[in-house]
Amino acid sequence: MLTLLQHPLCPLSRYVRLILNEYGTEVRLVEERFWERREEFLSINPAGSIPVLIADGEPPVPGSAIIAEYIQETRPPEDNAGWLMPGTPGQRVEIRRLASWFNDKFHEEVSGPLVTERVFKRHMTLEQGGGPPDTGQLRAARKNIRYHLAYIGWLVRTRDWLAGERLSLADLAAAAHLSAVDYLGDVPWNEDEAAKNWYARVKSRPAFRPLLADTLAGIPPAKHYADLDF
């Protein structure tokens, strides 16, 4: 049995959960309040960040990108058609580029600030960086998401999926981050119909259902969050 140290609204944790769900791999989810910097957690991942995947008899696997590679190497589906890294080496470069775009750039500019300011800081002490949300950070993130949505829309107007003709890690990365922001009601879906239609396709997959069932105490999801016809 795999164990994933994560937070339900952490976009990077959601990315890993989607990969595991797509491959039908069972995992035990354990919420880790990483900002508390528990000694036991730091002994597992000195970086103090989530997600971290733990497999019996294996060293802890830290970080979403490393976990994604580990899953690809150790638990690929029997049918190669189900791989989330399809295509030629050149095509896989595009998948990795876009997965990195959302796990790094989108996370830094949009999903990371929104989730931190609106969710994580509610539970942090002042010494841990808690306190009222930084309105400047929120304003910048809500502005930044518009050009990311436009980029997604441009990609899917020219391709079936973000990185090509098949669903890949790139789609799961983008959808994971958008799902966290969408939970908070901060995605302006009316600005790009193509991006919205692409997200509806990913959101309708069985692998997405556990994410749509997530609820946080004191922070209910946006009314449309779990609606497949939004």
C-alpha atoms as a PDB file:
ATOM      1  CA  MET A   1       0.000   0.000   0.000  1.00  0.00           C
ATOM      2  CA  LEU A   2       1.293   3.443  -0.931  1.00  0.00           C
ATOM      3  CA  THR A   3       0.942   6.392   1.435  1.00  0.00           C
ATOM      4  CA  LEU A   4       0.816   9.983   0.223  1.00  0.00           C
ATOM      5  CA  LEU A   5       1.629  12.779   2.644  1.00  0.00           C
ATOM      6  CA  GLN A   6      -0.357  15.669   1.210  1.00  0.00           C
ATOM      7  CA  HIS A   7      -2.937  18.380   1.744  1.00  0.00           C
ATOM      8  CA  PRO A   8      -6.358  18.129   0.046  1.00  0.00           C
ATOM      9  CA  LEU A   9      -6.048  21.547  -1.609  1.00  0.00           C
ATOM     10  CA  CYS A  10      -2.329  21.461  -2.383  1.00  0.00           C
ATOM     11  CA  PRO A  11      -2.192  21.586  -6.215  1.00  0.00           C
ATOM     12  CA  LEU A  12       0.981  19.491  -6.381  1.00  0.00           C
ATOM     13  CA  SER A  13      -0.595  16.839  -4.164  1.00  0.00           C
ATOM     14  CA  ARG A  14      -3.651  16.849  -6.410  1.00  0.00           C
ATOM     15  CA  TYR A  15      -1.436  16.257  -9.444  1.00  0.00           C
ATOM     16  CA  VAL A  16      -0.005  13.117  -7.857  1.00  0.00           C
ATOM     17  CA  ARG A  17      -3.455  11.926  -6.806  1.00  0.00           C
ATOM     18  CA  LEU A  18      -4.721  12.280 -10.383  1.00  0.00           C
ATOM     19  CA  ILE A  19      -1.805  10.240 -11.737  1.00  0.00           C
ATOM     20  CA  LEU A  20      -2.391   7.459  -9.210  1.00  0.00           C
ATOM     21  CA  ASN A  21      -6.137   7.518  -9.918  1.00  0.00           C
ATOM     22  CA  GLU A  22      -5.594   7.320 -13.681  1.00  0.00           C
ATOM     23  CA  TYR A  23      -3.415   4.243 -13.185  1.00  0.00           C
ATOM     24  CA  GLY A  24      -5.886   2.698 -10.743  1.00  0.00           C
ATOM     25  CA  THR A  25      -3.301   2.618  -7.970  1.00  0.00           C
ATOM     26  CA  GLU A  26      -4.647   2.538  -4.438  1.00  0.00           C
ATOM     27  CA  VAL A  27      -3.100   5.020  -2.028  1.00  0.00           C
ATOM     28  CA  ARG A  28      -3.643   6.012   1.584  1.00  0.00           C
ATOM     29  CA  LEU A  29      -3.951   9.790   1.934  1.00  0.00           C
ATOM     30  CA  VAL A  30      -2.482  11.412   5.047  1.00  0.00           C
ATOM     31  CA  GLU A  31      -2.905  15.148   5.555  1.00  0.00           C
ATOM     32  CA  GLU A  32       0.407  16.807   6.379  1.00  0.00           C
ATOM     33  CA  ARG A  33       0.415  20.358   7.719  1.00  0.00           C
ATOM     34  CA  PHE A  34       3.866  21.008   6.357  1.00  0.00           C
ATOM     35  CA  TRP A  35       4.063  24.496   7.864  1.00  0.00           C
ATOM     36  CA  GLU A  36       4.258  22.914  11.322  1.00  0.00           C
ATOM     37  CA  ARG A  37       7.610  21.379  10.313  1.00  0.00           C
ATOM     38  CA  ARG A  38       7.175  18.268  12.421  1.00  0.00           C
ATOM     39  CA  GLU A  39      10.454  16.608  13.274  1.00  0.00           C
ATOM     40  CA  GLU A  40       9.204  13.250  12.014  1.00  0.00           C
ATOM     41  CA  PHE A  41       8.143  14.775   8.698  1.00  0.00           C
ATOM     42  CA  LEU A  42      11.451  16.620   8.265  1.00  0.00           C
ATOM     43  CA  SER A  43      13.286  13.343   8.815  1.00  0.00           C
ATOM     44  CA  ILE A  44      11.352  11.973   5.826  1.00  0.00           C
ATOM     45  CA  ASN A  45      11.747  15.077   3.649  1.00  0.00           C
ATOM     46  CA  PRO A  46      14.266  17.642   4.917  1.00  0.00           C
ATOM     47  CA  ALA A  47      12.887  20.162   2.412  1.00  0.00           C
ATOM     48  CA  GLY A  48       9.698  20.244   4.486  1.00  0.00           C
ATOM     49  CA  SER A  49       7.460  20.308   1.414  1.00  0.00           C
ATOM     50  CA  ILE A  50       4.607  18.172   0.132  1.00  0.00           C
ATOM     51  CA  PRO A  51       3.717  15.848  -1.484  1.00  0.00           C
ATOM     52  CA  VAL A  52       5.793  12.875  -0.346  1.00  0.00           C
ATOM     53  CA  LEU A  53       5.035   9.318  -1.458  1.00  0.00           C
ATOM     54  CA  ILE A  54       5.953   6.416   0.808  1.00  0.00           C
ATOM     55  CA  ALA A  55       6.151   2.842  -0.457  1.00  0.00           C
ATOM     56  CA  ASP A  56       6.989  -0.128   1.756  1.00  0.00           C
ATOM     57  CA  GLY A  57      10.654  -1.041   1.501  1.00  0.00           C
ATOM     58  CA  GLU A  58      11.552   2.038  -0.554  1.00  0.00           C
ATOM     59  CA  PRO A  59      13.022   5.409   0.413  1.00  0.00           C
ATOM     60  CA  PRO A  60      10.499   8.281   0.603  1.00  0.00           C
ATOM     61  CA  VAL A  61       9.798   9.890  -2.772  1.00  0.00           C
ATOM     62  CA  PRO A  62       9.597  13.704  -2.386  1.00  0.00           C
ATOM     63  CA  GLY A  63       8.144  16.229  -4.806  1.00  0.00           C
ATOM     64  CA  SER A  64       5.484  15.932  -7.482  1.00  0.00           C
ATOM     65  CA  ALA A  65       7.851  15.660 -10.465  1.00  0.00           C
ATOM     66  CA  ILE A  66       9.958  12.925  -8.853  1.00  0.00           C
ATOM     67  CA  ILE A  67       6.822  11.080  -7.741  1.00  0.00           C
ATOM     68  CA  ALA A  68       5.415  11.245 -11.272  1.00  0.00           C
ATOM     69  CA  GLU A  69       8.609   9.663 -12.646  1.00  0.00           C
ATOM     70  CA  TYR A  70       8.582   7.031  -9.903  1.00  0.00           C
ATOM     71  CA  ILE A  71       4.997   6.049 -10.709  1.00  0.00           C
ATOM     72  CA  GLN A  72       5.793   5.866 -14.434  1.00  0.00           C
ATOM     73  CA  GLU A  73       8.748   3.589 -13.729  1.00  0.00           C
ATOM     74  CA  THR A  74       7.184   1.298 -11.137  1.00  0.00           C
ATOM     75  CA  ARG A  75       3.444   1.211 -11.787  1.00  0.00           C
ATOM     76  CA  PRO A  76       2.736   1.756 -15.479  1.00  0.00           C
ATOM     77  CA  PRO A  77      -0.489   0.281 -16.848  1.00  0.00           C
ATOM     78  CA  GLU A  78      -0.268  -3.063 -18.636  1.00  0.00           C
ATOM     79  CA  ASP A  79      -1.737  -1.479 -21.750  1.00  0.00           C
ATOM     80  CA  ASN A  80       0.745   1.047 -23.157  1.00  0.00           C
ATOM     81  CA  ALA A  81      -2.185   3.030 -24.554  1.00  0.00           C
ATOM     82  CA  GLY A  82      -2.863   4.164 -21.003  1.00  0.00           C
ATOM     83  CA  TRP A  83       0.553   5.670 -20.412  1.00  0.00           C
ATOM     84  CA  LEU A  84       0.551   9.329 -19.453  1.00  0.00           C
ATOM     85  CA  MET A  85       3.904   9.910 -21.186  1.00  0.00           C
ATOM     86  CA  PRO A  86       3.085   8.784 -24.733  1.00  0.00           C
ATOM     87  CA  GLY A  87       4.814   9.458 -28.018  1.00  0.00           C
ATOM     88  CA  THR A  88       8.366   9.928 -29.224  1.00  0.00           C
ATOM     89  CA  PRO A  89      11.158  11.430 -27.098  1.00  0.00           C
ATOM     90  CA  GLY A  90      10.465  14.775 -28.744  1.00  0.00           C
ATOM     91  CA  GLN A  91       6.774  14.572 -27.931  1.00  0.00           C
ATOM     92  CA  ARG A  92       7.594  13.668 -24.337  1.00  0.00           C
ATOM     93  CA  VAL A  93       9.708  16.796 -24.087  1.00  0.00           C
ATOM     94  CA  GLU A  94       6.552  18.811 -24.771  1.00  0.00           C
ATOM     95  CA  ILE A  95       4.667  16.881 -22.076  1.00  0.00           C
ATOM     96  CA  ARG A  96       7.433  17.563 -19.555  1.00  0.00           C
ATOM     97  CA  ARG A  97       7.630  21.225 -20.585  1.00  0.00           C
ATOM     98  CA  LEU A  98       3.942  21.801 -20.017  1.00  0.00           C
ATOM     99  CA  ALA A  99       3.831  19.783 -16.790  1.00  0.00           C
ATOM    100  CA  SER A 100       6.675  21.973 -15.551  1.00  0.00           C
ATOM    101  CA  TRP A 101       4.845  25.114 -16.754  1.00  0.00           C
ATOM    102  CA  PHE A 102       1.916  24.378 -14.455  1.00  0.00           C
ATOM    103  CA  ASN A 103       3.785  22.756 -11.557  1.00  0.00           C
ATOM    104  CA  ASP A 104       6.331  25.575 -11.453  1.00  0.00           C
ATOM    105  CA  LYS A 105       5.193  28.749 -13.222  1.00  0.00           C
ATOM    106  CA  PHE A 106       1.428  28.482 -12.670  1.00  0.00           C
ATOM    107  CA  HIS A 107       2.016  27.358  -9.099  1.00  0.00           C
ATOM    108  CA  GLU A 108       4.301  30.312  -8.407  1.00  0.00           C
ATOM    109  CA  GLU A 109       2.071  32.891 -10.079  1.00  0.00           C
ATOM    110  CA  VAL A 110      -1.450  31.634  -9.379  1.00  0.00           C
ATOM    111  CA  SER A 111      -2.343  28.490  -7.447  1.00  0.00           C
ATOM    112  CA  GLY A 112       0.395  28.707  -4.824  1.00  0.00           C
ATOM    113  CA  PRO A 113      -0.412  32.268  -3.680  1.00  0.00           C
ATOM    114  CA  LEU A 114      -4.196  31.732  -3.785  1.00  0.00           C
ATOM    115  CA  VAL A 115      -4.141  28.508  -1.754  1.00  0.00           C
ATOM    116  CA  THR A 116      -1.528  29.822   0.665  1.00  0.00           C
ATOM    117  CA  GLU A 117      -3.275  33.128   1.318  1.00  0.00           C
ATOM    118  CA  ARG A 118      -6.834  31.785   1.451  1.00  0.00           C
ATOM    119  CA  VAL A 119      -6.306  28.359   3.036  1.00  0.00           C
ATOM    120  CA  PHE A 120      -2.913  27.597   4.552  1.00  0.00           C
ATOM    121  CA  LYS A 121      -2.455  30.909   6.355  1.00  0.00           C
ATOM    122  CA  ARG A 122      -5.718  30.362   8.241  1.00  0.00           C
ATOM    123  CA  HIS A 123      -4.014  27.539  10.136  1.00  0.00           C
ATOM    124  CA  MET A 124      -0.550  29.045  10.561  1.00  0.00           C
ATOM    125  CA  THR A 125       0.692  30.953  13.556  1.00  0.00           C
ATOM    126  CA  LEU A 126       2.278  34.357  13.006  1.00  0.00           C
ATOM    127  CA  GLU A 127       5.686  32.730  13.449  1.00  0.00           C
ATOM    128  CA  GLN A 128       4.832  30.248  10.699  1.00  0.00           C
ATOM    129  CA  GLY A 129       3.774  33.029   8.318  1.00  0.00           C
ATOM    130  CA  GLY A 130       0.078  33.097   9.123  1.00  0.00           C
ATOM    131  CA  GLY A 131      -2.219  36.066   9.466  1.00  0.00           C
ATOM    132  CA  PRO A 132      -4.673  37.906   7.231  1.00  0.00           C
ATOM    133  CA  PRO A 133      -4.485  37.228   3.484  1.00  0.00           C
ATOM    134  CA  ASP A 134      -2.142  39.479   1.536  1.00  0.00           C
ATOM    135  CA  THR A 135      -4.522  41.324  -0.790  1.00  0.00           C
ATOM    136  CA  GLY A 136      -1.674  42.245  -3.115  1.00  0.00           C
ATOM    137  CA  GLN A 137      -0.789  38.594  -3.614  1.00  0.00           C
ATOM    138  CA  LEU A 138      -4.428  37.707  -4.252  1.00  0.00           C
ATOM    139  CA  ARG A 139      -4.872  40.534  -6.729  1.00  0.00           C
ATOM    140  CA  ALA A 140      -1.729  39.550  -8.658  1.00  0.00           C
ATOM    141  CA  ALA A 141      -2.699  35.863  -8.785  1.00  0.00           C
ATOM    142  CA  ARG A 142      -6.200  36.664 -10.059  1.00  0.00           C
ATOM    143  CA  LYS A 143      -4.673  38.820 -12.767  1.00  0.00           C
ATOM    144  CA  ASN A 144      -2.064  36.222 -13.731  1.00  0.00           C
ATOM    145  CA  ILE A 145      -4.574  33.415 -14.192  1.00  0.00           C
ATOM    146  CA  ARG A 146      -6.064  35.182 -17.202  1.00  0.00           C
ATOM    147  CA  TYR A 147      -3.045  34.765 -19.449  1.00  0.00           C
ATOM    148  CA  HIS A 148      -2.617  31.145 -18.313  1.00  0.00           C
ATOM    149  CA  LEU A 149      -6.217  30.433 -19.292  1.00  0.00           C
ATOM    150  CA  ALA A 150      -5.624  32.094 -22.638  1.00  0.00           C
ATOM    151  CA  TYR A 151      -2.550  29.884 -23.151  1.00  0.00           C
ATOM    152  CA  ILE A 152      -4.560  26.740 -22.375  1.00  0.00           C
ATOM    153  CA  GLY A 153      -7.237  27.896 -24.783  1.00  0.00           C
ATOM    154  CA  TRP A 154      -4.655  28.469 -27.519  1.00  0.00           C
ATOM    155  CA  LEU A 155      -3.152  25.008 -27.000  1.00  0.00           C
ATOM    156  CA  VAL A 156      -6.444  23.121 -27.187  1.00  0.00           C
ATOM    157  CA  ARG A 157      -7.578  25.037 -30.253  1.00  0.00           C
ATOM    158  CA  THR A 158      -4.659  23.446 -32.117  1.00  0.00           C
ATOM    159  CA  ARG A 159      -4.448  20.042 -30.374  1.00  0.00           C
ATOM    160  CA  ASP A 160      -6.803  17.427 -28.961  1.00  0.00           C
ATOM    161  CA  TRP A 161      -5.113  17.697 -25.549  1.00  0.00           C
ATOM    162  CA  LEU A 162      -2.573  20.138 -24.138  1.00  0.00           C
ATOM    163  CA  ALA A 163       0.544  18.331 -25.351  1.00  0.00           C
ATOM    164  CA  GLY A 164      -0.816  16.487 -28.380  1.00  0.00           C
ATOM    165  CA  GLU A 165      -3.357  13.913 -29.462  1.00  0.00           C
ATOM    166  CA  ARG A 166      -3.622  12.050 -26.146  1.00  0.00           C
ATOM    167  CA  LEU A 167      -4.207  12.823 -22.500  1.00  0.00           C
ATOM    168  CA  SER A 168      -0.889  13.158 -20.699  1.00  0.00           C
ATOM    169  CA  LEU A 169       0.793  14.358 -17.539  1.00  0.00           C
ATOM    170  CA  ALA A 170       0.546  17.874 -18.965  1.00  0.00           C
ATOM    171  CA  ASP A 171      -3.264  17.784 -18.785  1.00  0.00           C
ATOM    172  CA  LEU A 172      -3.237  16.381 -15.256  1.00  0.00           C
ATOM    173  CA  ALA A 173      -0.813  19.035 -14.057  1.00  0.00           C
ATOM    174  CA  ALA A 174      -2.881  21.881 -15.483  1.00  0.00           C
ATOM    175  CA  ALA A 175      -6.172  20.408 -14.254  1.00  0.00           C
ATOM    176  CA  ALA A 176      -4.807  19.750 -10.765  1.00  0.00           C
ATOM    177  CA  HIS A 177      -3.783  23.378 -10.289  1.00  0.00           C
ATOM    178  CA  LEU A 178      -6.978  24.731 -11.821  1.00  0.00           C
ATOM    179  CA  SER A 179      -9.057  22.434  -9.612  1.00  0.00           C
ATOM    180  CA  ALA A 180      -7.532  23.937  -6.460  1.00  0.00           C
ATOM    181  CA  VAL A 181      -8.226  27.459  -7.712  1.00  0.00           C
ATOM    182  CA  ASP A 182     -11.698  26.445  -8.883  1.00  0.00           C
ATOM    183  CA  TYR A 183     -12.504  25.090  -5.410  1.00  0.00           C
ATOM    184  CA  LEU A 184     -11.972  28.660  -4.198  1.00  0.00           C
ATOM    185  CA  GLY A 185     -14.078  30.089  -7.047  1.00  0.00           C
ATOM    186  CA  ASP A 186     -11.212  32.093  -8.543  1.00  0.00           C
ATOM    187  CA  VAL A 187     -11.179  30.785 -12.131  1.00  0.00           C
ATOM    188  CA  PRO A 188     -12.802  33.236 -14.621  1.00  0.00           C
ATOM    189  CA  TRP A 189     -14.185  30.501 -16.863  1.00  0.00           C
ATOM    190  CA  ASN A 190     -16.183  32.962 -18.959  1.00  0.00           C
ATOM    191  CA  GLU A 191     -12.955  34.372 -20.412  1.00  0.00           C
ATOM    192  CA  ASP A 192     -11.990  31.379 -22.584  1.00  0.00           C
ATOM    193  CA  GLU A 193     -14.532  28.845 -23.807  1.00  0.00           C
ATOM    194  CA  ALA A 194     -11.917  26.474 -25.239  1.00  0.00           C
ATOM    195  CA  ALA A 195     -10.080  26.280 -21.913  1.00  0.00           C
ATOM    196  CA  LYS A 196     -13.355  25.700 -20.091  1.00  0.00           C
ATOM    197  CA  ASN A 197     -14.379  22.898 -22.475  1.00  0.00           C
ATOM    198  CA  TRP A 198     -10.982  21.214 -22.083  1.00  0.00           C
ATOM    199  CA  TYR A 199     -11.244  21.375 -18.283  1.00  0.00           C
ATOM    200  CA  ALA A 200     -14.765  19.903 -18.444  1.00  0.00           C
ATOM    201  CA  ARG A 201     -13.373  16.904 -20.353  1.00  0.00           C
ATOM    202  CA  VAL A 202     -10.657  16.288 -17.760  1.00  0.00           C
ATOM    203  CA  LYS A 203     -13.020  16.981 -14.888  1.00  0.00           C
ATOM    204  CA  SER A 204     -15.443  14.344 -16.213  1.00  0.00           C
ATOM    205  CA  ARG A 205     -12.878  11.529 -16.012  1.00  0.00           C
ATOM    206  CA  PRO A 206     -13.378   8.913 -13.259  1.00  0.00           C
ATOM    207  CA  ALA A 207      -9.918   9.759 -11.881  1.00  0.00           C
ATOM    208  CA  PHE A 208     -11.183  13.242 -11.012  1.00  0.00           C
ATOM    209  CA  ARG A 209     -14.118  12.141  -8.852  1.00  0.00           C
ATOM    210  CA  PRO A 210     -12.210  11.837  -5.557  1.00  0.00           C
ATOM    211  CA  LEU A 211     -10.948  15.418  -5.956  1.00  0.00           C
ATOM    212  CA  LEU A 212     -14.458  16.704  -6.583  1.00  0.00           C
ATOM    213  CA  ALA A 213     -15.565  15.048  -3.335  1.00  0.00           C
ATOM    214  CA  ASP A 214     -12.991  16.979  -1.262  1.00  0.00           C
ATOM    215  CA  THR A 215     -14.325  19.491   1.245  1.00  0.00           C
ATOM    216  CA  LEU A 216     -12.413  21.579   3.765  1.00  0.00           C
ATOM    217  CA  ALA A 217     -13.834  22.445   7.170  1.00  0.00           C
ATOM    218  CA  GLY A 218     -14.815  26.104   7.215  1.00  0.00           C
ATOM    219  CA  ILE A 219     -14.024  26.575   3.505  1.00  0.00           C
ATOM    220  CA  PRO A 220     -16.813  25.124   1.354  1.00  0.00           C
ATOM    221  CA  PRO A 221     -16.134  24.715  -2.379  1.00  0.00           C
ATOM    222  CA  ALA A 222     -17.562  27.084  -4.964  1.00  0.00           C
ATOM    223  CA  LYS A 223     -21.110  26.103  -5.896  1.00  0.00           C
ATOM    224  CA  HIS A 224     -20.109  24.919  -9.374  1.00  0.00           C
ATOM    225  CA  TYR A 225     -16.985  23.060  -8.219  1.00  0.00           C
ATOM    226  CA  ALA A 226     -18.330  19.502  -8.459  1.00  0.00           C
ATOM    227  CA  ASP A 227     -20.760  20.271 -11.309  1.00  0.00           C
ATOM    228  CA  LEU A 228     -19.686  18.547 -14.518  1.00  0.00           C
ATOM    229  CA  ASP A 229     -21.900  20.869 -16.539  1.00  0.00           C
ATOM    230  CA  PHE A 230     -20.608  24.181 -15.260  1.00  0.00           C
END
